[in-house]
């Protein structure tokens, strides 16, 4: 099962959802704010990807962290920060069941899903 993680009012998440819908990709949407985020799920992302790929260091949520917290960030600290503030996750996070991808671009999704025409 393909799952797209994010928040529904995020513009980038909207673009990703629109792309998936237009290309008839069957997926489930998981909204962090409505559906929460399980520790095991976030930990699995951080096991698969570097913490600074999963955490959006350009986000408002990142900038709101204390400077000391940002400077001392590592995998364990990233897990706790994400659980406390899921909007730190670079959105959308796409779980294809085999791979994880953070962020969205039409070219990236075209490559992931093997579509040759839009």
Protein backbone atom coordinates (compact mmCIF):
# COMPACT_ATOMS: atom_id res chain seq x y z
CA UNK A 1 0.00 0.00 0.00
CA UNK A 2 1.31 3.42 -0.98
CA UNK A 3 0.93 6.03 1.74
CA UNK A 4 1.41 9.77 1.44
CA UNK A 5 2.12 11.48 4.76
CA UNK A 6 1.65 15.19 5.37
CA UNK A 7 -0.93 17.79 6.31
CA UNK A 8 -3.83 18.56 4.05
CA UNK A 9 -3.39 22.33 4.03
CA UNK A 10 0.24 22.16 2.84
CA UNK A 11 0.60 23.40 -0.76
CA UNK A 12 3.26 20.83 -1.63
CA UNK A 13 1.12 18.01 -0.25
CA UNK A 14 -1.79 19.28 -2.34
CA UNK A 15 0.38 19.20 -5.47
CA UNK A 16 1.51 15.66 -4.70
CA UNK A 17 -2.05 14.48 -4.07
CA UNK A 18 -3.23 16.11 -7.30
CA UNK A 19 -0.42 14.41 -9.24
CA UNK A 20 -1.21 11.01 -7.74
CA UNK A 21 -4.93 11.46 -8.46
CA UNK A 22 -4.33 12.59 -12.04
CA UNK A 23 -2.10 9.56 -12.65
CA UNK A 24 -4.56 7.12 -11.07
CA UNK A 25 -2.14 6.03 -8.36
CA UNK A 26 -3.93 4.17 -5.59
CA UNK A 27 -2.70 5.59 -2.29
CA UNK A 28 -3.77 6.34 1.24
CA UNK A 29 -3.33 9.83 2.70
CA UNK A 30 -2.21 10.10 6.31
CA UNK A 31 -2.64 13.56 7.85
CA UNK A 32 -0.27 14.10 10.77
CA UNK A 33 -2.65 16.51 12.45
CA UNK A 34 -5.74 14.32 12.17
CA UNK A 35 -4.24 10.83 12.28
CA UNK A 36 -1.22 11.42 14.51
CA UNK A 37 2.18 9.84 14.08
CA UNK A 38 3.29 6.63 15.74
CA UNK A 39 6.76 6.44 17.27
CA UNK A 40 7.47 3.21 15.37
CA UNK A 41 6.60 4.81 12.02
CA UNK A 42 8.77 7.89 12.58
CA UNK A 43 11.63 5.71 13.88
CA UNK A 44 11.44 3.55 10.75
CA UNK A 45 11.80 6.65 8.57
CA UNK A 46 14.87 7.71 10.52
CA UNK A 47 16.31 4.21 10.19
CA UNK A 48 15.86 4.36 6.42
CA UNK A 49 16.85 7.97 5.74
CA UNK A 50 19.26 10.47 7.29
CA UNK A 51 17.53 12.62 9.92
CA UNK A 52 18.28 15.78 7.94
CA UNK A 53 16.43 14.33 4.95
CA UNK A 54 13.33 13.60 7.02
CA UNK A 55 13.44 16.88 8.94
CA UNK A 56 12.70 20.00 6.91
CA UNK A 57 15.36 22.45 8.02
CA UNK A 58 13.71 25.24 6.00
CA UNK A 59 10.34 24.91 7.74
CA UNK A 60 8.75 27.32 10.16
CA UNK A 61 8.66 24.48 12.69
CA UNK A 62 12.45 24.06 12.44
CA UNK A 63 13.05 27.79 12.83
CA UNK A 64 10.81 27.79 15.91
CA UNK A 65 13.09 25.31 17.70
CA UNK A 66 15.56 26.70 20.21
CA UNK A 67 18.99 27.30 18.63
CA UNK A 68 20.57 24.79 21.03
CA UNK A 69 18.03 22.16 19.97
CA UNK A 70 18.78 22.75 16.27
CA UNK A 71 22.55 22.66 16.83
CA UNK A 72 22.48 19.41 18.81
CA UNK A 73 20.06 17.61 16.47
CA UNK A 74 20.87 13.99 15.73
CA UNK A 75 18.78 10.91 14.89
CA UNK A 76 17.49 10.41 18.46
CA UNK A 77 16.73 14.10 18.95
CA UNK A 78 15.05 14.23 15.54
CA UNK A 79 12.72 11.40 16.55
CA UNK A 80 11.62 13.21 19.70
CA UNK A 81 11.26 16.51 17.84
CA UNK A 82 9.16 14.91 15.07
CA UNK A 83 6.89 13.21 17.60
CA UNK A 84 6.41 16.50 19.45
CA UNK A 85 5.93 18.49 16.23
CA UNK A 86 5.12 16.30 13.18
CA UNK A 87 5.16 19.36 10.93
CA UNK A 88 8.97 19.12 11.12
CA UNK A 89 8.77 16.24 8.62
CA UNK A 90 9.66 17.31 5.11
CA UNK A 91 6.36 17.07 3.28
CA UNK A 92 5.07 15.12 1.72
CA UNK A 93 6.69 11.89 2.76
CA UNK A 94 5.81 9.16 0.28
CA UNK A 95 6.06 5.53 1.37
CA UNK A 96 5.76 3.26 -1.66
CA UNK A 97 6.07 0.15 0.49
CA UNK A 98 9.62 -0.31 -0.85
CA UNK A 99 11.10 3.18 -0.71
CA UNK A 100 10.67 6.47 1.11
CA UNK A 101 10.76 9.83 -0.64
CA UNK A 102 10.61 13.28 0.97
CA UNK A 103 9.31 16.30 -0.86
CA UNK A 104 7.54 16.50 -4.20
CA UNK A 105 8.33 17.25 -7.80
CA UNK A 106 6.37 16.00 -10.79
CA UNK A 107 9.58 14.71 -12.38
CA UNK A 108 10.48 12.77 -9.23
CA UNK A 109 7.03 11.16 -9.01
CA UNK A 110 7.06 10.37 -12.71
CA UNK A 111 10.33 8.51 -12.19
CA UNK A 112 9.06 6.73 -9.06
CA UNK A 113 5.90 5.51 -10.72
CA UNK A 114 7.40 4.82 -14.13
CA UNK A 115 5.07 7.06 -16.12
CA UNK A 116 6.50 8.19 -19.41
CA UNK A 117 3.89 10.77 -20.31
CA UNK A 118 1.94 13.22 -18.23
